[in-house]
PDB file of N, CA and C in Angstrom:
ATOM      1  N   UNK A   1      96.488 105.645 112.569  1.00  0.00           N
ATOM      2  CA  UNK A   1      95.254 104.828 112.818  1.00  0.00           C
ATOM      3  C   UNK A   1      94.730 105.132 114.135  1.00  0.00           C
ATOM      4  N   UNK A   2      93.426 105.212 114.198  1.00  0.00           N
ATOM      5  CA  UNK A   2      92.652 105.279 115.322  1.00  0.00           C
ATOM      6  C   UNK A   2      91.695 104.055 115.509  1.00  0.00           C
ATOM      7  N   UNK A   3      91.431 103.630 116.730  1.00  0.00           N
ATOM      8  CA  UNK A   3      90.360 102.626 116.928  1.00  0.00           C
ATOM      9  C   UNK A   3      88.978 103.406 117.228  1.00  0.00           C
ATOM     10  N   UNK A   4      88.011 103.328 116.439  1.00  0.00           N
ATOM     11  CA  UNK A   4      86.654 103.921 116.532  1.00  0.00           C
ATOM     12  C   UNK A   4      85.921 102.930 117.339  1.00  0.00           C
ATOM     13  N   UNK A   5      85.127 103.482 118.180  1.00  0.00           N
ATOM     14  CA  UNK A   5      84.050 102.778 118.746  1.00  0.00           C
ATOM     15  C   UNK A   5      82.919 102.889 117.726  1.00  0.00           C
ATOM     16  N   UNK A   6      81.709 101.938 118.098  1.00  0.00           N
ATOM     17  CA  UNK A   6      80.739 101.510 117.228  1.00  0.00           C
ATOM     18  C   UNK A   6      79.881 102.813 116.879  1.00  0.00           C
ATOM     19  N   UNK A   7      79.638 103.750 117.759  1.00  0.00           N
ATOM     20  CA  UNK A   7      79.036 105.158 117.326  1.00  0.00           C
ATOM     21  C   UNK A   7      79.810 105.867 116.077  1.00  0.00           C
ATOM     22  N   UNK A   8      81.052 106.055 116.081  1.00  0.00           N
ATOM     23  CA  UNK A   8      81.819 106.381 115.146  1.00  0.00           C
ATOM     24  C   UNK A   8      81.781 105.695 113.777  1.00  0.00           C
ATOM     25  N   UNK A   9      81.770 104.332 113.982  1.00  0.00           N
ATOM     26  CA  UNK A   9      81.677 103.524 112.787  1.00  0.00           C
ATOM     27  C   UNK A   9      80.280 103.783 112.151  1.00  0.00           C
ATOM     28  N   UNK A  10      79.220 103.512 113.044  1.00  0.00           N
ATOM     29  CA  UNK A  10      77.948 103.764 112.477  1.00  0.00           C
ATOM     30  C   UNK A  10      77.564 105.306 111.720  1.00  0.00           C
ATOM     31  N   UNK A  11      78.386 106.373 112.247  1.00  0.00           N
ATOM     32  CA  UNK A  11      78.312 107.192 111.738  1.00  0.00           C
ATOM     33  C   UNK A  11      79.109 107.603 110.407  1.00  0.00           C
ATOM     34  N   UNK A  12      80.215 107.127 110.296  1.00  0.00           N
ATOM     35  CA  UNK A  12      80.955 106.828 109.018  1.00  0.00           C
ATOM     36  C   UNK A  12      80.292 106.315 108.014  1.00  0.00           C
ATOM     37  N   UNK A  13      79.873 105.079 108.330  1.00  0.00           N
ATOM     38  CA  UNK A  13      79.251 104.174 107.396  1.00  0.00           C
ATOM     39  C   UNK A  13      77.825 104.688 106.833  1.00  0.00           C
ATOM     40  N   UNK A  14      77.157 105.316 107.602  1.00  0.00           N
ATOM     41  CA  UNK A  14      75.585 105.733 107.460  1.00  0.00           C
ATOM     42  C   UNK A  14      74.645 104.765 108.191  1.00  0.00           C
ATOM     43  N   UNK A  15      74.907 103.921 109.141  1.00  0.00           N
ATOM     44  CA  UNK A  15      74.325 103.064 109.641  1.00  0.00           C
ATOM     45  C   UNK A  15      73.495 103.688 110.757  1.00  0.00           C
ATOM     46  N   UNK A  16      72.336 103.126 111.155  1.00  0.00           N
ATOM     47  CA  UNK A  16      71.690 103.646 112.441  1.00  0.00           C
ATOM     48  C   UNK A  16      71.635 103.047 113.613  1.00  0.00           C
ATOM     49  N   UNK A  17      71.874 101.586 113.513  1.00  0.00           N
ATOM     50  CA  UNK A  17      71.790 100.647 114.734  1.00  0.00           C
ATOM     51  C   UNK A  17      73.216 100.106 114.721  1.00  0.00           C
ATOM     52  N   UNK A  18      73.277  99.511 116.151  1.00  0.00           N
ATOM     53  CA  UNK A  18      74.421  98.481 116.293  1.00  0.00           C
ATOM     54  C   UNK A  18      74.219  97.322 115.550  1.00  0.00           C
ATOM     55  N   UNK A  19      72.884  97.033 115.313  1.00  0.00           N
ATOM     56  CA  UNK A  19      72.433  95.677 114.873  1.00  0.00           C
ATOM     57  C   UNK A  19      73.061  95.581 113.348  1.00  0.00           C
ATOM     58  N   UNK A  20      73.160  96.626 112.788  1.00  0.00           N
ATOM     59  CA  UNK A  20      73.537  96.671 111.232  1.00  0.00           C
ATOM     60  C   UNK A  20      75.119  96.445 111.024  1.00  0.00           C
ATOM     61  N   UNK A  21      75.800  97.065 112.220  1.00  0.00           N
ATOM     62  CA  UNK A  21      77.182  96.535 111.961  1.00  0.00           C
ATOM     63  C   UNK A  21      77.346  95.069 112.288  1.00  0.00           C
ATOM     64  N   UNK A  22      76.690  94.707 113.504  1.00  0.00           N
ATOM     65  CA  UNK A  22      76.971  93.125 113.779  1.00  0.00           C
ATOM     66  C   UNK A  22      76.278  92.123 112.945  1.00  0.00           C
ATOM     67  N   UNK A  23      75.302  92.483 112.025  1.00  0.00           N
ATOM     68  CA  UNK A  23      74.791  91.883 111.015  1.00  0.00           C
ATOM     69  C   UNK A  23      75.752  91.777 109.766  1.00  0.00           C
ATOM     70  N   UNK A  24      76.485  92.914 109.487  1.00  0.00           N
ATOM     71  CA  UNK A  24      77.522  92.669 108.508  1.00  0.00           C
ATOM     72  C   UNK A  24      78.712  91.890 108.919  1.00  0.00           C
ATOM     73  N   UNK A  25      79.028  91.986 110.122  1.00  0.00           N
ATOM     74  CA  UNK A  25      80.299  91.006 110.703  1.00  0.00           C
ATOM     75  C   UNK A  25      79.690  89.561 110.352  1.00  0.00           C
ATOM     76  N   UNK A  26      78.514  89.245 110.703  1.00  0.00           N
ATOM     77  CA  UNK A  26      77.963  87.949 110.631  1.00  0.00           C
ATOM     78  C   UNK A  26      78.101  87.318 109.075  1.00  0.00           C
ATOM     79  N   UNK A  27      77.778  88.232 108.206  1.00  0.00           N
ATOM     80  CA  UNK A  27      78.029  87.745 106.613  1.00  0.00           C
ATOM     81  C   UNK A  27      79.222  87.982 106.134  1.00  0.00           C
ATOM     82  N   UNK A  28      80.249  88.475 106.849  1.00  0.00           N
ATOM     83  CA  UNK A  28      81.637  88.599 106.442  1.00  0.00           C
ATOM     84  C   UNK A  28      81.697  89.938 105.678  1.00  0.00           C
ATOM     85  N   UNK A  29      80.932  90.907 105.926  1.00  0.00           N
ATOM     86  CA  UNK A  29      80.906  92.280 105.209  1.00  0.00           C
ATOM     87  C   UNK A  29      81.353  93.346 106.171  1.00  0.00           C
ATOM     88  N   UNK A  30      81.957  93.174 106.969  1.00  0.00           N
ATOM     89  CA  UNK A  30      82.576  93.913 108.218  1.00  0.00           C
ATOM     90  C   UNK A  30      83.642  93.358 109.025  1.00  0.00           C
ATOM     91  N   UNK A  31      84.862  93.944 109.401  1.00  0.00           N
ATOM     92  CA  UNK A  31      85.803  93.113 110.084  1.00  0.00           C
ATOM     93  C   UNK A  31      85.250  93.140 111.601  1.00  0.00           C
ATOM     94  N   UNK A  32      85.898  92.014 112.095  1.00  0.00           N
ATOM     95  CA  UNK A  32      85.699  91.717 113.528  1.00  0.00           C
ATOM     96  C   UNK A  32      85.960  92.690 114.476  1.00  0.00           C
ATOM     97  N   UNK A  33      85.411  93.213 115.618  1.00  0.00           N
ATOM     98  CA  UNK A  33      86.122  94.419 116.282  1.00  0.00           C
ATOM     99  C   UNK A  33      87.272  93.922 117.256  1.00  0.00           C
ATOM    100  N   UNK A  34      88.160  94.881 117.704  1.00  0.00           N
ATOM    101  CA  UNK A  34      89.207  94.709 118.422  1.00  0.00           C
ATOM    102  C   UNK A  34      88.829  95.131 119.799  1.00  0.00           C
ATOM    103  N   UNK A  35      89.226  94.180 120.766  1.00  0.00           N
ATOM    104  CA  UNK A  35      89.138  94.354 122.272  1.00  0.00           C
ATOM    105  C   UNK A  35      89.946  95.453 122.645  1.00  0.00           C
ATOM    106  N   UNK A  36      89.417  96.590 123.453  1.00  0.00           N
ATOM    107  CA  UNK A  36      90.287  97.656 123.814  1.00  0.00           C
ATOM    108  C   UNK A  36      90.072  97.835 125.317  1.00  0.00           C
ATOM    109  N   UNK A  37      89.301  97.003 125.839  1.00  0.00           N
ATOM    110  CA  UNK A  37      89.246  96.798 127.421  1.00  0.00           C
ATOM    111  C   UNK A  37      88.393  95.822 127.883  1.00  0.00           C
ATOM    112  N   UNK A  38      88.133  95.844 129.050  1.00  0.00           N
ATOM    113  CA  UNK A  38      87.161  94.555 129.285  1.00  0.00           C
ATOM    114  C   UNK A  38      85.818  94.268 128.840  1.00  0.00           C
ATOM    115  N   UNK A  39      85.289  95.482 128.739  1.00  0.00           N
ATOM    116  CA  UNK A  39      84.037  95.669 128.195  1.00  0.00           C
ATOM    117  C   UNK A  39      83.806  96.662 127.101  1.00  0.00           C
ATOM    118  N   UNK A  40      84.832  96.890 126.409  1.00  0.00           N
ATOM    119  CA  UNK A  40      84.809  97.695 125.170  1.00  0.00           C
ATOM    120  C   UNK A  40      85.688  97.224 124.110  1.00  0.00           C
ATOM    121  N   UNK A  41      85.026  97.744 122.922  1.00  0.00           N
ATOM    122  CA  UNK A  41      85.762  97.167 121.393  1.00  0.00           C
ATOM    123  C   UNK A  41      85.628  98.235 120.634  1.00  0.00           C
ATOM    124  N   UNK A  42      86.326  98.301 119.575  1.00  0.00           N
ATOM    125  CA  UNK A  42      86.060  98.941 118.229  1.00  0.00           C
ATOM    126  C   UNK A  42      86.767  98.510 117.144  1.00  0.00           C
ATOM    127  N   UNK A  43      86.999  99.351 116.123  1.00  0.00           N
ATOM    128  CA  UNK A  43      87.556  98.890 114.771  1.00  0.00           C
ATOM    129  C   UNK A  43      88.799  99.998 114.398  1.00  0.00           C
ATOM    130  N   UNK A  44      89.600  99.313 113.862  1.00  0.00           N
ATOM    131  CA  UNK A  44      90.798 100.264 113.274  1.00  0.00           C
ATOM    132  C   UNK A  44      90.138 101.202 112.147  1.00  0.00           C
ATOM    133  N   UNK A  45      90.365 102.538 112.303  1.00  0.00           N
ATOM    134  CA  UNK A  45      89.852 103.323 111.393  1.00  0.00           C
ATOM    135  C   UNK A  45      90.113 103.152 109.981  1.00  0.00           C
ATOM    136  N   UNK A  46      91.274 102.661 109.570  1.00  0.00           N
ATOM    137  CA  UNK A  46      91.835 102.297 108.285  1.00  0.00           C
ATOM    138  C   UNK A  46      90.778 101.122 107.850  1.00  0.00           C
ATOM    139  N   UNK A  47      90.428 100.356 108.636  1.00  0.00           N
ATOM    140  CA  UNK A  47      89.469  99.334 108.115  1.00  0.00           C
ATOM    141  C   UNK A  47      88.257  99.869 107.626  1.00  0.00           C
ATOM    142  N   UNK A  48      87.791 100.513 108.636  1.00  0.00           N
ATOM    143  CA  UNK A  48      86.283 101.056 108.305  1.00  0.00           C
ATOM    144  C   UNK A  48      86.536 101.898 107.101  1.00  0.00           C
ATOM    145  N   UNK A  49      87.292 102.639 106.825  1.00  0.00           N
ATOM    146  CA  UNK A  49      87.554 103.744 105.644  1.00  0.00           C
ATOM    147  C   UNK A  49      87.700 102.963 104.482  1.00  0.00           C
ATOM    148  N   UNK A  50      88.304 101.578 104.455  1.00  0.00           N
ATOM    149  CA  UNK A  50      88.472 100.672 103.430  1.00  0.00           C
ATOM    150  C   UNK A  50      87.322 100.219 102.851  1.00  0.00           C
ATOM    151  N   UNK A  51      86.540  99.574 103.896  1.00  0.00           N
ATOM    152  CA  UNK A  51      85.222  99.107 103.644  1.00  0.00           C
ATOM    153  C   UNK A  51      84.327 100.105 103.117  1.00  0.00           C
ATOM    154  N   UNK A  52      84.070 101.202 103.516  1.00  0.00           N
ATOM    155  CA  UNK A  52      83.243 102.554 102.930  1.00  0.00           C
ATOM    156  C   UNK A  52      83.936 102.953 101.474  1.00  0.00           C
ATOM    157  N   UNK A  53      85.156 102.829 101.338  1.00  0.00           N
ATOM    158  CA  UNK A  53      85.608 103.211  99.979  1.00  0.00           C
ATOM    159  C   UNK A  53      85.441 101.999  98.948  1.00  0.00           C
ATOM    160  N   UNK A  54      85.277 100.799  99.299  1.00  0.00           N
ATOM    161  CA  UNK A  54      84.929  99.761  98.599  1.00  0.00           C
ATOM    162  C   UNK A  54      83.301  99.893  98.121  1.00  0.00           C
ATOM    163  N   UNK A  55      82.556 100.086  99.115  1.00  0.00           N
ATOM    164  CA  UNK A  55      81.121 100.275  99.065  1.00  0.00           C
ATOM    165  C   UNK A  55      80.804 101.518  97.918  1.00  0.00           C
ATOM    166  N   UNK A  56      81.632 102.568  98.168  1.00  0.00           N
ATOM    167  CA  UNK A  56      81.536 103.735  97.461  1.00  0.00           C
ATOM    168  C   UNK A  56      81.923 103.575  95.823  1.00  0.00           C
ATOM    169  N   UNK A  57      82.981 102.692  95.841  1.00  0.00           N
ATOM    170  CA  UNK A  57      83.363 102.312  94.332  1.00  0.00           C
ATOM    171  C   UNK A  57      82.377 101.160  93.772  1.00  0.00           C
ATOM    172  N   UNK A  58      81.340 100.657  94.528  1.00  0.00           N
ATOM    173  CA  UNK A  58      80.597  99.717  93.796  1.00  0.00           C
ATOM    174  C   UNK A  58      80.896  98.370  93.943  1.00  0.00           C
ATOM    175  N   UNK A  59      81.852  98.123  94.716  1.00  0.00           N
ATOM    176  CA  UNK A  59      82.264  96.628  94.720  1.00  0.00           C
ATOM    177  C   UNK A  59      81.075  95.805  95.325  1.00  0.00           C
ATOM    178  N   UNK A  60      81.313  94.587  94.825  1.00  0.00           N
ATOM    179  CA  UNK A  60      79.947  93.673  95.205  1.00  0.00           C
ATOM    180  C   UNK A  60      80.298  93.096  96.817  1.00  0.00           C
ATOM    181  N   UNK A  61      79.252  92.501  96.884  1.00  0.00           N
ATOM    182  CA  UNK A  61      79.614  91.682  98.429  1.00  0.00           C
ATOM    183  C   UNK A  61      80.456  90.880  98.365  1.00  0.00           C
ATOM    184  N   UNK A  62      80.595  90.091  97.488  1.00  0.00           N
ATOM    185  CA  UNK A  62      82.098  89.245  97.465  1.00  0.00           C
ATOM    186  C   UNK A  62      83.144  89.785  97.286  1.00  0.00           C
ATOM    187  N   UNK A  63      83.330  90.838  96.378  1.00  0.00           N
ATOM    188  CA  UNK A  63      84.330  91.578  96.666  1.00  0.00           C
ATOM    189  C   UNK A  63      84.839  92.248  97.998  1.00  0.00           C
ATOM    190  N   UNK A  64      83.910  92.639  98.659  1.00  0.00           N
ATOM    191  CA  UNK A  64      84.036  93.323 100.126  1.00  0.00           C
ATOM    192  C   UNK A  64      84.278  92.069 101.121  1.00  0.00           C
ATOM    193  N   UNK A  65      83.745  90.927 100.625  1.00  0.00           N
ATOM    194  CA  UNK A  65      84.033  89.905 101.949  1.00  0.00           C
ATOM    195  C   UNK A  65      85.688  89.463 101.643  1.00  0.00           C
ATOM    196  N   UNK A  66      86.041  89.560 100.472  1.00  0.00           N
ATOM    197  CA  UNK A  66      87.409  89.365 100.161  1.00  0.00           C
ATOM    198  C   UNK A  66      88.338  90.396 100.859  1.00  0.00           C
ATOM    199  N   UNK A  67      87.858  91.497 100.550  1.00  0.00           N
ATOM    200  CA  UNK A  67      88.739  92.873 101.426  1.00  0.00           C
ATOM    201  C   UNK A  67      88.607  92.554 102.856  1.00  0.00           C
ATOM    202  N   UNK A  68      87.540  92.036 103.427  1.00  0.00           N
ATOM    203  CA  UNK A  68      87.376  91.908 104.801  1.00  0.00           C
ATOM    204  C   UNK A  68      88.474  90.844 105.250  1.00  0.00           C
ATOM    205  N   UNK A  69      88.560  89.795 104.479  1.00  0.00           N
ATOM    206  CA  UNK A  69      89.645  88.640 104.588  1.00  0.00           C
ATOM    207  C   UNK A  69      91.029  89.202 104.710  1.00  0.00           C
ATOM    208  N   UNK A  70      91.307  90.100 103.668  1.00  0.00           N
ATOM    209  CA  UNK A  70      92.797  90.696 103.502  1.00  0.00           C
ATOM    210  C   UNK A  70      92.996  91.628 104.631  1.00  0.00           C
ATOM    211  N   UNK A  71      92.004  92.366 105.157  1.00  0.00           N
ATOM    212  CA  UNK A  71      92.074  93.217 106.294  1.00  0.00           C
ATOM    213  C   UNK A  71      92.444  92.270 107.530  1.00  0.00           C
ATOM    214  N   UNK A  72      91.918  91.248 107.710  1.00  0.00           N
ATOM    215  CA  UNK A  72      91.984  90.418 108.797  1.00  0.00           C
ATOM    216  C   UNK A  72      93.434  89.738 108.773  1.00  0.00           C
ATOM    217  N   UNK A  73      93.887  89.415 107.813  1.00  0.00           N
ATOM    218  CA  UNK A  73      95.197  88.931 107.223  1.00  0.00           C
ATOM    219  C   UNK A  73      96.039  89.944 107.481  1.00  0.00           C
ATOM    220  N   UNK A  74      95.915  91.148 107.494  1.00  0.00           N
ATOM    221  CA  UNK A  74      96.966  92.425 107.536  1.00  0.00           C
ATOM    222  C   UNK A  74      96.968  92.555 109.161  1.00  0.00           C
ATOM    223  N   UNK A  75      96.183  92.441 109.569  1.00  0.00           N
ATOM    224  CA  UNK A  75      95.902  92.397 111.310  1.00  0.00           C
ATOM    225  C   UNK A  75      96.846  91.699 111.612  1.00  0.00           C
ATOM    226  N   UNK A  76      96.738  90.036 111.284  1.00  0.00           N
ATOM    227  CA  UNK A  76      97.659  89.153 111.904  1.00  0.00           C
ATOM    228  C   UNK A  76      99.093  89.259 111.492  1.00  0.00           C
ATOM    229  N   UNK A  77      99.343  89.835 110.013  1.00  0.00           N
ATOM    230  CA  UNK A  77     100.863  90.107 109.712  1.00  0.00           C
ATOM    231  C   UNK A  77     101.253  91.117 110.760  1.00  0.00           C
ATOM    232  N   UNK A  78     100.605  92.251 111.048  1.00  0.00           N
ATOM    233  CA  UNK A  78     101.028  93.443 111.939  1.00  0.00           C
ATOM    234  C   UNK A  78     101.574  92.874 113.424  1.00  0.00           C
ATOM    235  N   UNK A  79     100.640  91.882 113.801  1.00  0.00           N
ATOM    236  CA  UNK A  79     100.912  91.267 115.025  1.00  0.00           C
ATOM    237  C   UNK A  79     102.135  90.348 115.034  1.00  0.00           C
ATOM    238  N   UNK A  80     102.440  89.473 114.055  1.00  0.00           N
ATOM    239  CA  UNK A  80     103.491  88.842 113.753  1.00  0.00           C
ATOM    240  C   UNK A  80     104.762  89.656 113.921  1.00  0.00           C
ATOM    241  N   UNK A  81     104.720  90.613 113.036  1.00  0.00           N
ATOM    242  CA  UNK A  81     105.811  91.733 113.230  1.00  0.00           C
ATOM    243  C   UNK A  81     106.231  92.199 114.462  1.00  0.00           C
ATOM    244  N   UNK A  82     105.163  92.534 115.134  1.00  0.00           N
ATOM    245  CA  UNK A  82     105.503  93.117 116.421  1.00  0.00           C
ATOM    246  C   UNK A  82     105.862  92.064 117.556  1.00  0.00           C
ATOM    247  N   UNK A  83     105.468  90.949 117.296  1.00  0.00           N
ATOM    248  CA  UNK A  83     105.709  89.795 118.472  1.00  0.00           C
ATOM    249  C   UNK A  83     107.109  89.460 117.973  1.00  0.00           C
ATOM    250  N   UNK A  84     107.641  89.520 116.795  1.00  0.00           N
ATOM    251  CA  UNK A  84     108.920  89.109 116.431  1.00  0.00           C
ATOM    252  C   UNK A  84     110.077  90.022 117.009  1.00  0.00           C
ATOM    253  N   UNK A  85     109.613  91.154 117.170  1.00  0.00           N
ATOM    254  CA  UNK A  85     110.608  92.227 117.720  1.00  0.00           C
ATOM    255  C   UNK A  85     110.969  92.187 119.007  1.00  0.00           C
TER     256      UNK A  85
END
């Protein structure tokens, strides 16, 4: 898994503007970014790929919102495992 910056995410998903990604975040159709520095953020590549696969498969916005919730929950679970070690 890699962390992709917004340019890569836009390329992978076919969007042309940053606003497209941030608009999707606002309506729950894209995961929140991960801070990777003081002034930079990105998205785990597996999350971007999962969202793209759902779109390609023809899932509804509601199904994609549920996927986004699951992806956020998976992030939290990974963090819990790391913190427990």
